PDB file of N, CA and C in Angstrom:
ATOM      1  N   MET A   1     -15.830  11.031  -5.906  1.00  0.00           N
ATOM      2  CA  MET A   1     -16.081  10.840  -4.499  1.00  0.00           C
ATOM      3  C   MET A   1     -16.169   9.343  -4.175  1.00  0.00           C
ATOM      4  N   LEU A   2     -16.853   8.600  -5.033  1.00  0.00           N
ATOM      5  CA  LEU A   2     -16.974   7.158  -4.819  1.00  0.00           C
ATOM      6  C   LEU A   2     -15.603   6.482  -4.855  1.00  0.00           C
ATOM      7  N   PHE A   3     -14.757   6.908  -5.804  1.00  0.00           N
ATOM      8  CA  PHE A   3     -13.400   6.358  -5.899  1.00  0.00           C
ATOM      9  C   PHE A   3     -12.658   6.547  -4.570  1.00  0.00           C
ATOM     10  N   ASN A   4     -12.773   7.725  -3.983  1.00  0.00           N
ATOM     11  CA  ASN A   4     -12.084   8.010  -2.720  1.00  0.00           C
ATOM     12  C   ASN A   4     -12.555   7.086  -1.603  1.00  0.00           C
ATOM     13  N   PHE A   5     -13.850   6.830  -1.529  1.00  0.00           N
ATOM     14  CA  PHE A   5     -14.378   5.938  -0.497  1.00  0.00           C
ATOM     15  C   PHE A   5     -13.864   4.518  -0.683  1.00  0.00           C
ATOM     16  N   VAL A   6     -13.852   4.066  -1.917  1.00  0.00           N
ATOM     17  CA  VAL A   6     -13.402   2.702  -2.205  1.00  0.00           C
ATOM     18  C   VAL A   6     -11.911   2.564  -1.916  1.00  0.00           C
ATOM     19  N   LEU A   7     -11.118   3.544  -2.339  1.00  0.00           N
ATOM     20  CA  LEU A   7      -9.677   3.504  -2.082  1.00  0.00           C
ATOM     21  C   LEU A   7      -9.396   3.591  -0.585  1.00  0.00           C
ATOM     22  N   GLU A   8     -10.168   4.367   0.136  1.00  0.00           N
ATOM     23  CA  GLU A   8      -9.987   4.472   1.587  1.00  0.00           C
ATOM     24  C   GLU A   8     -10.192   3.118   2.266  1.00  0.00           C
ATOM     25  N   TYR A   9     -11.165   2.348   1.796  1.00  0.00           N
ATOM     26  CA  TYR A   9     -11.395   1.006   2.332  1.00  0.00           C
ATOM     27  C   TYR A   9     -10.138   0.147   2.152  1.00  0.00           C
ATOM     28  N   ALA A  10      -9.573   0.175   0.952  1.00  0.00           N
ATOM     29  CA  ALA A  10      -8.386  -0.630   0.665  1.00  0.00           C
ATOM     30  C   ALA A  10      -7.205  -0.177   1.529  1.00  0.00           C
ATOM     31  N   ILE A  11      -7.067   1.111   1.716  1.00  0.00           N
ATOM     32  CA  ILE A  11      -5.969   1.654   2.517  1.00  0.00           C
ATOM     33  C   ILE A  11      -6.116   1.223   3.980  1.00  0.00           C
ATOM     34  N   LYS A  12      -7.323   1.242   4.483  1.00  0.00           N
ATOM     35  CA  LYS A  12      -7.547   0.806   5.866  1.00  0.00           C
ATOM     36  C   LYS A  12      -7.176  -0.657   6.048  1.00  0.00           C
ATOM     37  N   ARG A  13      -7.438  -1.463   5.036  1.00  0.00           N
ATOM     38  CA  ARG A  13      -7.070  -2.884   5.111  1.00  0.00           C
ATOM     39  C   ARG A  13      -5.555  -3.049   5.211  1.00  0.00           C
ATOM     40  N   VAL A  14      -4.806  -2.252   4.450  1.00  0.00           N
ATOM     41  CA  VAL A  14      -3.347  -2.329   4.513  1.00  0.00           C
ATOM     42  C   VAL A  14      -2.865  -1.856   5.881  1.00  0.00           C
ATOM     43  N   LYS A  15      -3.466  -0.801   6.406  1.00  0.00           N
ATOM     44  CA  LYS A  15      -3.060  -0.285   7.716  1.00  0.00           C
ATOM     45  C   LYS A  15      -3.287  -1.311   8.819  1.00  0.00           C
ATOM     46  N   GLU A  16      -4.291  -2.168   8.662  1.00  0.00           N
ATOM     47  CA  GLU A  16      -4.562  -3.201   9.667  1.00  0.00           C
ATOM     48  C   GLU A  16      -3.412  -4.188   9.797  1.00  0.00           C
ATOM     49  N   ASN A  17      -2.646  -4.369   8.717  1.00  0.00           N
ATOM     50  CA  ASN A  17      -1.488  -5.275   8.767  1.00  0.00           C
ATOM     51  C   ASN A  17      -0.443  -4.787   9.755  1.00  0.00           C
ATOM     52  N   GLN A  18      -0.243  -3.482   9.807  1.00  0.00           N
ATOM     53  CA  GLN A  18       0.752  -2.856  10.669  1.00  0.00           C
ATOM     54  C   GLN A  18       2.111  -3.510  10.490  1.00  0.00           C
ATOM     55  N   ASP A  19       2.456  -3.822   9.267  1.00  0.00           N
ATOM     56  CA  ASP A  19       3.734  -4.431   8.956  1.00  0.00           C
ATOM     57  C   ASP A  19       4.455  -3.517   7.987  1.00  0.00           C
ATOM     58  N   GLY A  20       5.459  -2.817   8.460  1.00  0.00           N
ATOM     59  CA  GLY A  20       6.163  -1.923   7.555  1.00  0.00           C
ATOM     60  C   GLY A  20       7.048  -0.945   8.298  1.00  0.00           C
ATOM     61  N   LEU A  21       7.575   0.003   7.574  1.00  0.00           N
ATOM     62  CA  LEU A  21       8.483   1.001   8.097  1.00  0.00           C
ATOM     63  C   LEU A  21       7.698   2.111   8.770  1.00  0.00           C
ATOM     64  N   LYS A  22       8.118   2.538   9.950  1.00  0.00           N
ATOM     65  CA  LYS A  22       7.448   3.637  10.636  1.00  0.00           C
ATOM     66  C   LYS A  22       8.130   4.951  10.286  1.00  0.00           C
ATOM     67  N   LEU A  23       7.345   5.941   9.927  1.00  0.00           N
ATOM     68  CA  LEU A  23       7.828   7.293   9.700  1.00  0.00           C
ATOM     69  C   LEU A  23       7.144   8.203  10.710  1.00  0.00           C
ATOM     70  N   SER A  24       7.893   8.836  11.577  1.00  0.00           N
ATOM     71  CA  SER A  24       7.332   9.740  12.585  1.00  0.00           C
ATOM     72  C   SER A  24       6.176   9.091  13.345  1.00  0.00           C
ATOM     73  N   SER A  25       6.379   7.893  13.805  1.00  0.00           N
ATOM     74  CA  SER A  25       5.381   7.125  14.568  1.00  0.00           C
ATOM     75  C   SER A  25       4.160   6.731  13.742  1.00  0.00           C
ATOM     76  N   LYS A  26       4.211   6.886  12.444  1.00  0.00           N
ATOM     77  CA  LYS A  26       3.115   6.471  11.565  1.00  0.00           C
ATOM     78  C   LYS A  26       3.569   5.238  10.814  1.00  0.00           C
ATOM     79  N   TYR A  27       2.606   4.522  10.262  1.00  0.00           N
ATOM     80  CA  TYR A  27       2.957   3.314   9.538  1.00  0.00           C
ATOM     81  C   TYR A  27       3.226   3.563   8.070  1.00  0.00           C
ATOM     82  N   HIS A  28       3.456   2.710   7.325  1.00  0.00           N
ATOM     83  CA  HIS A  28       3.987   2.304   6.069  1.00  0.00           C
ATOM     84  C   HIS A  28       3.245   2.708   4.801  1.00  0.00           C
ATOM     85  N   LEU A  29       2.402   3.723   4.840  1.00  0.00           N
ATOM     86  CA  LEU A  29       1.578   3.983   3.673  1.00  0.00           C
ATOM     87  C   LEU A  29       1.455   5.479   3.438  1.00  0.00           C
ATOM     88  N   LEU A  30       1.745   5.917   2.235  1.00  0.00           N
ATOM     89  CA  LEU A  30       1.573   7.306   1.838  1.00  0.00           C
ATOM     90  C   LEU A  30       0.625   7.324   0.651  1.00  0.00           C
ATOM     91  N   VAL A  31      -0.424   8.139   0.729  1.00  0.00           N
ATOM     92  CA  VAL A  31      -1.436   8.158  -0.321  1.00  0.00           C
ATOM     93  C   VAL A  31      -1.721   9.599  -0.716  1.00  0.00           C
ATOM     94  N   TYR A  32      -1.754   9.847  -2.022  1.00  0.00           N
ATOM     95  CA  TYR A  32      -2.140  11.148  -2.541  1.00  0.00           C
ATOM     96  C   TYR A  32      -2.887  10.936  -3.844  1.00  0.00           C
ATOM     97  N   ALA A  33      -4.099  11.440  -3.930  1.00  0.00           N
ATOM     98  CA  ALA A  33      -4.955  11.265  -5.108  1.00  0.00           C
ATOM     99  C   ALA A  33      -5.077   9.771  -5.402  1.00  0.00           C
ATOM    100  N   ASP A  34      -4.611   9.327  -6.565  1.00  0.00           N
ATOM    101  CA  ASP A  34      -4.710   7.897  -6.877  1.00  0.00           C
ATOM    102  C   ASP A  34      -3.356   7.205  -6.781  1.00  0.00           C
ATOM    103  N   GLY A  35      -2.378   7.874  -6.172  1.00  0.00           N
ATOM    104  CA  GLY A  35      -1.056   7.275  -5.989  1.00  0.00           C
ATOM    105  C   GLY A  35      -0.895   6.723  -4.592  1.00  0.00           C
ATOM    106  N   VAL A  36      -0.340   5.544  -4.496  1.00  0.00           N
ATOM    107  CA  VAL A  36      -0.134   4.896  -3.198  1.00  0.00           C
ATOM    108  C   VAL A  36       1.321   4.460  -3.123  1.00  0.00           C
ATOM    109  N   SER A  37       2.007   4.869  -2.047  1.00  0.00           N
ATOM    110  CA  SER A  37       3.381   4.422  -1.800  1.00  0.00           C
ATOM    111  C   SER A  37       3.377   3.535  -0.576  1.00  0.00           C
ATOM    112  N   ILE A  38       3.890   2.333  -0.727  1.00  0.00           N
ATOM    113  CA  ILE A  38       3.964   1.382   0.371  1.00  0.00           C
ATOM    114  C   ILE A  38       5.428   1.248   0.768  1.00  0.00           C
ATOM    115  N   LEU A  39       5.701   1.488   2.049  1.00  0.00           N
ATOM    116  CA  LEU A  39       7.061   1.414   2.555  1.00  0.00           C
ATOM    117  C   LEU A  39       7.201   0.183   3.423  1.00  0.00           C
ATOM    118  N   GLY A  40       8.405  -0.365   3.477  1.00  0.00           N
ATOM    119  CA  GLY A  40       8.614  -1.530   4.313  1.00  0.00           C
ATOM    120  C   GLY A  40      10.050  -1.634   4.756  1.00  0.00           C
ATOM    121  N   VAL A  41      10.280  -2.410   5.785  1.00  0.00           N
ATOM    122  CA  VAL A  41      11.641  -2.622   6.273  1.00  0.00           C
ATOM    123  C   VAL A  41      12.359  -3.681   5.451  1.00  0.00           C
ATOM    124  N   GLY A  42      11.638  -4.356   4.610  1.00  0.00           N
ATOM    125  CA  GLY A  42      12.223  -5.359   3.737  1.00  0.00           C
ATOM    126  C   GLY A  42      11.256  -5.697   2.622  1.00  0.00           C
ATOM    127  N   VAL A  43      11.740  -6.443   1.674  1.00  0.00           N
ATOM    128  CA  VAL A  43      10.910  -6.809   0.533  1.00  0.00           C
ATOM    129  C   VAL A  43       9.687  -7.602   0.978  1.00  0.00           C
ATOM    130  N   SER A  44       9.851  -8.481   1.958  1.00  0.00           N
ATOM    131  CA  SER A  44       8.726  -9.314   2.382  1.00  0.00           C
ATOM    132  C   SER A  44       7.600  -8.487   2.986  1.00  0.00           C
ATOM    133  N   SER A  45       7.919  -7.453   3.780  1.00  0.00           N
ATOM    134  CA  SER A  45       6.857  -6.628   4.362  1.00  0.00           C
ATOM    135  C   SER A  45       6.157  -5.805   3.293  1.00  0.00           C
ATOM    136  N   MET A  46       6.901  -5.336   2.291  1.00  0.00           N
ATOM    137  CA  MET A  46       6.274  -4.590   1.202  1.00  0.00           C
ATOM    138  C   MET A  46       5.385  -5.504   0.369  1.00  0.00           C
ATOM    139  N   GLU A  47       5.844  -6.717   0.103  1.00  0.00           N
ATOM    140  CA  GLU A  47       5.035  -7.672  -0.666  1.00  0.00           C
ATOM    141  C   GLU A  47       3.748  -8.010   0.074  1.00  0.00           C
ATOM    142  N   LYS A  48       3.846  -8.211   1.380  1.00  0.00           N
ATOM    143  CA  LYS A  48       2.659  -8.514   2.182  1.00  0.00           C
ATOM    144  C   LYS A  48       1.657  -7.364   2.110  1.00  0.00           C
ATOM    145  N   ASN A  49       2.147  -6.135   2.241  1.00  0.00           N
ATOM    146  CA  ASN A  49       1.268  -4.972   2.172  1.00  0.00           C
ATOM    147  C   ASN A  49       0.678  -4.800   0.771  1.00  0.00           C
ATOM    148  N   MET A  50       1.457  -5.065  -0.247  1.00  0.00           N
ATOM    149  CA  MET A  50       0.964  -4.958  -1.619  1.00  0.00           C
ATOM    150  C   MET A  50      -0.101  -6.014  -1.886  1.00  0.00           C
ATOM    151  N   ASP A  51       0.136  -7.228  -1.419  1.00  0.00           N
ATOM    152  CA  ASP A  51      -0.860  -8.291  -1.582  1.00  0.00           C
ATOM    153  C   ASP A  51      -2.179  -7.922  -0.906  1.00  0.00           C
ATOM    154  N   THR A  52      -2.090  -7.339   0.282  1.00  0.00           N
ATOM    155  CA  THR A  52      -3.290  -6.908   0.998  1.00  0.00           C
ATOM    156  C   THR A  52      -4.027  -5.833   0.217  1.00  0.00           C
ATOM    157  N   LEU A  53      -3.289  -4.888  -0.364  1.00  0.00           N
ATOM    158  CA  LEU A  53      -3.899  -3.832  -1.164  1.00  0.00           C
ATOM    159  C   LEU A  53      -4.588  -4.402  -2.397  1.00  0.00           C
ATOM    160  N   VAL A  54      -3.949  -5.344  -3.067  1.00  0.00           N
ATOM    161  CA  VAL A  54      -4.528  -5.953  -4.266  1.00  0.00           C
ATOM    162  C   VAL A  54      -5.813  -6.704  -3.914  1.00  0.00           C
ATOM    163  N   VAL A  55      -5.806  -7.465  -2.829  1.00  0.00           N
ATOM    164  CA  VAL A  55      -6.997  -8.214  -2.421  1.00  0.00           C
ATOM    165  C   VAL A  55      -8.136  -7.255  -2.069  1.00  0.00           C
ATOM    166  N   ALA A  56      -7.835  -6.214  -1.292  1.00  0.00           N
ATOM    167  CA  ALA A  56      -8.869  -5.247  -0.909  1.00  0.00           C
ATOM    168  C   ALA A  56      -9.426  -4.529  -2.133  1.00  0.00           C
ATOM    169  N   ASN A  57      -8.570  -4.220  -3.091  1.00  0.00           N
ATOM    170  CA  ASN A  57      -9.042  -3.575  -4.317  1.00  0.00           C
ATOM    171  C   ASN A  57      -9.955  -4.498  -5.103  1.00  0.00           C
ATOM    172  N   LYS A  58      -9.599  -5.768  -5.194  1.00  0.00           N
ATOM    173  CA  LYS A  58     -10.441  -6.719  -5.924  1.00  0.00           C
ATOM    174  C   LYS A  58     -11.813  -6.853  -5.281  1.00  0.00           C
ATOM    175  N   GLU A  59     -11.858  -6.787  -3.948  1.00  0.00           N
ATOM    176  CA  GLU A  59     -13.139  -6.858  -3.243  1.00  0.00           C
ATOM    177  C   GLU A  59     -14.062  -5.714  -3.641  1.00  0.00           C
ATOM    178  N   THR A  60     -13.488  -4.576  -3.987  1.00  0.00           N
ATOM    179  CA  THR A  60     -14.283  -3.386  -4.302  1.00  0.00           C
ATOM    180  C   THR A  60     -14.395  -3.122  -5.795  1.00  0.00           C
ATOM    181  N   GLY A  61     -13.703  -3.905  -6.606  1.00  0.00           N
ATOM    182  CA  GLY A  61     -13.791  -3.720  -8.051  1.00  0.00           C
ATOM    183  C   GLY A  61     -12.662  -2.901  -8.649  1.00  0.00           C
ATOM    184  N   LEU A  62     -11.744  -2.411  -7.834  1.00  0.00           N
ATOM    185  CA  LEU A  62     -10.578  -1.696  -8.353  1.00  0.00           C
ATOM    186  C   LEU A  62      -9.480  -2.700  -8.655  1.00  0.00           C
ATOM    187  N   GLU A  63      -8.518  -2.276  -9.454  1.00  0.00           N
ATOM    188  CA  GLU A  63      -7.361  -3.130  -9.675  1.00  0.00           C
ATOM    189  C   GLU A  63      -6.108  -2.281  -9.774  1.00  0.00           C
ATOM    190  N   VAL A  64      -4.999  -2.862  -9.366  1.00  0.00           N
ATOM    191  CA  VAL A  64      -3.711  -2.193  -9.433  1.00  0.00           C
ATOM    192  C   VAL A  64      -3.190  -2.336 -10.858  1.00  0.00           C
ATOM    193  N   ASN A  65      -2.771  -1.223 -11.444  1.00  0.00           N
ATOM    194  CA  ASN A  65      -2.238  -1.232 -12.797  1.00  0.00           C
ATOM    195  C   ASN A  65      -0.771  -1.652 -12.738  1.00  0.00           C
ATOM    196  N   ALA A  66      -0.491  -2.874 -13.139  1.00  0.00           N
ATOM    197  CA  ALA A  66       0.869  -3.408 -13.070  1.00  0.00           C
ATOM    198  C   ALA A  66       1.843  -2.620 -13.943  1.00  0.00           C
ATOM    199  N   ASP A  67       1.367  -2.052 -15.051  1.00  0.00           N
ATOM    200  CA  ASP A  67       2.239  -1.278 -15.932  1.00  0.00           C
ATOM    201  C   ASP A  67       2.714   0.018 -15.285  1.00  0.00           C
ATOM    202  N   LYS A  68       1.951   0.543 -14.348  1.00  0.00           N
ATOM    203  CA  LYS A  68       2.320   1.785 -13.672  1.00  0.00           C
ATOM    204  C   LYS A  68       2.954   1.541 -12.309  1.00  0.00           C
ATOM    205  N   THR A  69       3.087   0.285 -11.918  1.00  0.00           N
ATOM    206  CA  THR A  69       3.628  -0.058 -10.610  1.00  0.00           C
ATOM    207  C   THR A  69       5.144  -0.066 -10.662  1.00  0.00           C
ATOM    208  N   LYS A  70       5.748   0.623  -9.713  1.00  0.00           N
ATOM    209  CA  LYS A  70       7.210   0.696  -9.613  1.00  0.00           C
ATOM    210  C   LYS A  70       7.607   0.296  -8.204  1.00  0.00           C
ATOM    211  N   TYR A  71       8.804  -0.214  -8.060  1.00  0.00           N
ATOM    212  CA  TYR A  71       9.311  -0.496  -6.732  1.00  0.00           C
ATOM    213  C   TYR A  71      10.792  -0.166  -6.673  1.00  0.00           C
ATOM    214  N   MET A  72      11.251   0.122  -5.474  1.00  0.00           N
ATOM    215  CA  MET A  72      12.654   0.451  -5.261  1.00  0.00           C
ATOM    216  C   MET A  72      13.069  -0.150  -3.925  1.00  0.00           C
ATOM    217  N   VAL A  73      14.196  -0.827  -3.917  1.00  0.00           N
ATOM    218  CA  VAL A  73      14.736  -1.402  -2.699  1.00  0.00           C
ATOM    219  C   VAL A  73      15.980  -0.629  -2.342  1.00  0.00           C
ATOM    220  N   MET A  74      16.013  -0.161  -1.104  1.00  0.00           N
ATOM    221  CA  MET A  74      17.183   0.584  -0.630  1.00  0.00           C
ATOM    222  C   MET A  74      17.711  -0.082   0.631  1.00  0.00           C
ATOM    223  N   SER A  75      19.006   0.031   0.847  1.00  0.00           N
ATOM    224  CA  SER A  75      19.602  -0.564   2.028  1.00  0.00           C
ATOM    225  C   SER A  75      20.803   0.277   2.463  1.00  0.00           C
ATOM    226  N   ARG A  76      21.031   0.322   3.747  1.00  0.00           N
ATOM    227  CA  ARG A  76      22.221   1.009   4.257  1.00  0.00           C
ATOM    228  C   ARG A  76      23.455   0.141   4.114  1.00  0.00           C
ATOM    229  N   TYR A  77      23.262  -1.127   3.923  1.00  0.00           N
ATOM    230  CA  TYR A  77      24.384  -2.062   3.940  1.00  0.00           C
ATOM    231  C   TYR A  77      24.836  -2.398   2.554  1.00  0.00           C
TER     232      TYR A  77
END
């Protein structure tokens, strides 16, 4: 339960950025259990959101596991 509260704080910090891809009028973040997917319209918006998540996690004592972190860049062009 404590983990959920702490992760929710970090997620709210990322949502405050409001920088990313909109899905069905929602912003750039999908969260399930301990998995977080950050979406963006470009690499820079995803990096900004990831940096915000890392900072918020450090404030609460959590850390992002770099070994489990994956990213994918897609483009129509």
